[in-house]
Amino acid sequence: MTDDRVALIERRLRAALAPEDLEIIDDSAAHAGHAGAREGGHFTARIVASAFAGKTPIQRHRLVNAAVADLMRRDIHALSIQARTPEETRA
């Protein structure tokens, strides 16, 4: 099930933001027993996209959250976001 969730999150983010680099990490095992873990997984999204250029961290997170908004009701309980531009990864 979590592999399906990772693939679904990845598809959504690729379609919405055309990232140069994207990694989705399933952190759910670290949260086993947590009350919210039954309703969705815990994930980290490391994403590098030109779409983040000129955007504040809050605006970047909003872009990511918008791409997966409907998944937050059933597949995602928590999403940690690391959003950078390609230029920031070269610095």
C-alpha atoms as a PDB file:
ATOM      1  CA  MET A   1       0.000   0.000   0.000  1.00  0.00           C
ATOM      2  CA  THR A   2       2.729   2.506   0.883  1.00  0.00           C
ATOM      3  CA  ASP A   3       4.537   1.817  -2.410  1.00  0.00           C
ATOM      4  CA  ASP A   4       1.312   2.773  -4.160  1.00  0.00           C
ATOM      5  CA  ARG A   5       1.115   5.953  -2.097  1.00  0.00           C
ATOM      6  CA  VAL A   6       4.717   6.880  -2.905  1.00  0.00           C
ATOM      7  CA  ALA A   7       4.079   6.343  -6.629  1.00  0.00           C
ATOM      8  CA  LEU A   8       0.860   8.363  -6.470  1.00  0.00           C
ATOM      9  CA  ILE A   9       2.534  11.283  -4.673  1.00  0.00           C
ATOM     10  CA  GLU A  10       5.390  11.175  -7.165  1.00  0.00           C
ATOM     11  CA  ARG A  11       3.037  11.225 -10.170  1.00  0.00           C
ATOM     12  CA  ARG A  12       1.125  14.191  -8.767  1.00  0.00           C
ATOM     13  CA  LEU A  13       4.250  16.230  -8.047  1.00  0.00           C
ATOM     14  CA  ARG A  14       5.814  15.436 -11.419  1.00  0.00           C
ATOM     15  CA  ALA A  15       2.642  16.477 -13.237  1.00  0.00           C
ATOM     16  CA  ALA A  16       2.208  19.704 -11.268  1.00  0.00           C
ATOM     17  CA  LEU A  17       5.797  20.929 -10.925  1.00  0.00           C
ATOM     18  CA  ALA A  18       7.929  19.151 -13.559  1.00  0.00           C
ATOM     19  CA  PRO A  19      10.787  18.694 -11.074  1.00  0.00           C
ATOM     20  CA  GLU A  20      14.374  18.148 -12.116  1.00  0.00           C
ATOM     21  CA  ASP A  21      14.832  15.913  -9.099  1.00  0.00           C
ATOM     22  CA  LEU A  22      12.264  14.270  -6.867  1.00  0.00           C
ATOM     23  CA  GLU A  23      12.526  11.826  -4.006  1.00  0.00           C
ATOM     24  CA  ILE A  24       9.599  10.618  -1.921  1.00  0.00           C
ATOM     25  CA  ILE A  25      10.540   8.873   1.314  1.00  0.00           C
ATOM     26  CA  ASP A  26       8.037   6.812   3.261  1.00  0.00           C
ATOM     27  CA  ASP A  27       8.592   7.640   6.942  1.00  0.00           C
ATOM     28  CA  SER A  28       5.489   5.753   8.107  1.00  0.00           C
ATOM     29  CA  ALA A  29       7.361   3.000   9.952  1.00  0.00           C
ATOM     30  CA  ALA A  30       8.871   5.592  12.280  1.00  0.00           C
ATOM     31  CA  HIS A  31       5.347   6.639  13.261  1.00  0.00           C
ATOM     32  CA  ALA A  32       3.798   3.215  13.845  1.00  0.00           C
ATOM     33  CA  GLY A  33       1.273   3.385  16.644  1.00  0.00           C
ATOM     34  CA  HIS A  34       0.719   7.106  16.179  1.00  0.00           C
ATOM     35  CA  ALA A  35      -3.021   7.738  16.133  1.00  0.00           C
ATOM     36  CA  GLY A  36      -3.024   9.502  12.757  1.00  0.00           C
ATOM     37  CA  ALA A  37      -0.871   6.855  11.107  1.00  0.00           C
ATOM     38  CA  ARG A  38      -3.946   4.673  10.531  1.00  0.00           C
ATOM     39  CA  GLU A  39      -5.518   7.353   8.350  1.00  0.00           C
ATOM     40  CA  GLY A  40      -2.538   7.919   6.069  1.00  0.00           C
ATOM     41  CA  GLY A  41       1.210   7.670   5.836  1.00  0.00           C
ATOM     42  CA  HIS A  42       4.036   9.959   6.834  1.00  0.00           C
ATOM     43  CA  PHE A  43       6.211  11.062   3.926  1.00  0.00           C
ATOM     44  CA  THR A  44       9.107  13.349   3.071  1.00  0.00           C
ATOM     45  CA  ALA A  45       9.203  15.013  -0.343  1.00  0.00           C
ATOM     46  CA  ARG A  46      12.588  16.267  -1.523  1.00  0.00           C
ATOM     47  CA  ILE A  47      11.899  18.215  -4.667  1.00  0.00           C
ATOM     48  CA  VAL A  48      14.018  20.401  -6.926  1.00  0.00           C
ATOM     49  CA  ALA A  49      12.014  22.434  -9.433  1.00  0.00           C
ATOM     50  CA  SER A  50      12.328  25.642 -11.414  1.00  0.00           C
ATOM     51  CA  ALA A  51       8.716  26.334 -10.401  1.00  0.00           C
ATOM     52  CA  PHE A  52      10.059  27.378  -6.990  1.00  0.00           C
ATOM     53  CA  ALA A  53      12.182  30.234  -8.387  1.00  0.00           C
ATOM     54  CA  GLY A  54      11.288  33.548  -6.784  1.00  0.00           C
ATOM     55  CA  LYS A  55       8.944  31.877  -4.301  1.00  0.00           C
ATOM     56  CA  THR A  56       9.121  32.049  -0.512  1.00  0.00           C
ATOM     57  CA  PRO A  57       9.302  28.789   1.451  1.00  0.00           C
ATOM     58  CA  ILE A  58       5.589  29.127   2.303  1.00  0.00           C
ATOM     59  CA  GLN A  59       4.672  29.614  -1.372  1.00  0.00           C
ATOM     60  CA  ARG A  60       6.744  26.556  -2.315  1.00  0.00           C
ATOM     61  CA  HIS A  61       4.988  24.432   0.299  1.00  0.00           C
ATOM     62  CA  ARG A  62       1.626  25.658  -0.939  1.00  0.00           C
ATOM     63  CA  LEU A  63       2.492  24.554  -4.484  1.00  0.00           C
ATOM     64  CA  VAL A  64       3.428  21.090  -3.247  1.00  0.00           C
ATOM     65  CA  ASN A  65       0.389  20.830  -0.977  1.00  0.00           C
ATOM     66  CA  ALA A  66      -1.929  21.916  -3.801  1.00  0.00           C
ATOM     67  CA  ALA A  67      -0.613  19.104  -5.997  1.00  0.00           C
ATOM     68  CA  VAL A  68      -1.497  16.459  -3.389  1.00  0.00           C
ATOM     69  CA  ALA A  69      -4.404  18.177  -1.617  1.00  0.00           C
ATOM     70  CA  ASP A  70      -6.963  15.434  -2.166  1.00  0.00           C
ATOM     71  CA  LEU A  71      -4.487  12.792  -0.962  1.00  0.00           C
ATOM     72  CA  MET A  72      -4.252  14.538   2.405  1.00  0.00           C
ATOM     73  CA  ARG A  73      -7.717  13.228   3.259  1.00  0.00           C
ATOM     74  CA  ARG A  74      -6.870   9.539   2.938  1.00  0.00           C
ATOM     75  CA  ASP A  75      -3.329   8.673   1.807  1.00  0.00           C
ATOM     76  CA  ILE A  76      -1.147  11.269   3.529  1.00  0.00           C
ATOM     77  CA  HIS A  77      -1.276  12.057   7.229  1.00  0.00           C
ATOM     78  CA  ALA A  78       1.948  14.090   7.300  1.00  0.00           C
ATOM     79  CA  LEU A  79       4.165  15.476   4.551  1.00  0.00           C
ATOM     80  CA  SER A  80       7.563  17.006   5.235  1.00  0.00           C
ATOM     81  CA  ILE A  81       8.638  19.183   2.299  1.00  0.00           C
ATOM     82  CA  GLN A  82      12.141  20.116   1.214  1.00  0.00           C
ATOM     83  CA  ALA A  83      11.656  22.373  -1.815  1.00  0.00           C
ATOM     84  CA  ARG A  84      14.607  23.933  -3.650  1.00  0.00           C
ATOM     85  CA  THR A  85      15.372  25.455  -7.020  1.00  0.00           C
ATOM     86  CA  PRO A  86      18.022  23.914  -9.289  1.00  0.00           C
ATOM     87  CA  GLU A  87      20.255  26.931  -8.582  1.00  0.00           C
ATOM     88  CA  GLU A  88      20.037  26.312  -4.835  1.00  0.00           C
ATOM     89  CA  THR A  89      21.282  22.766  -5.277  1.00  0.00           C
ATOM     90  CA  ARG A  90      24.382  23.980  -7.147  1.00  0.00           C
ATOM     91  CA  ALA A  91      25.311  26.626  -4.588  1.00  0.00           C
END
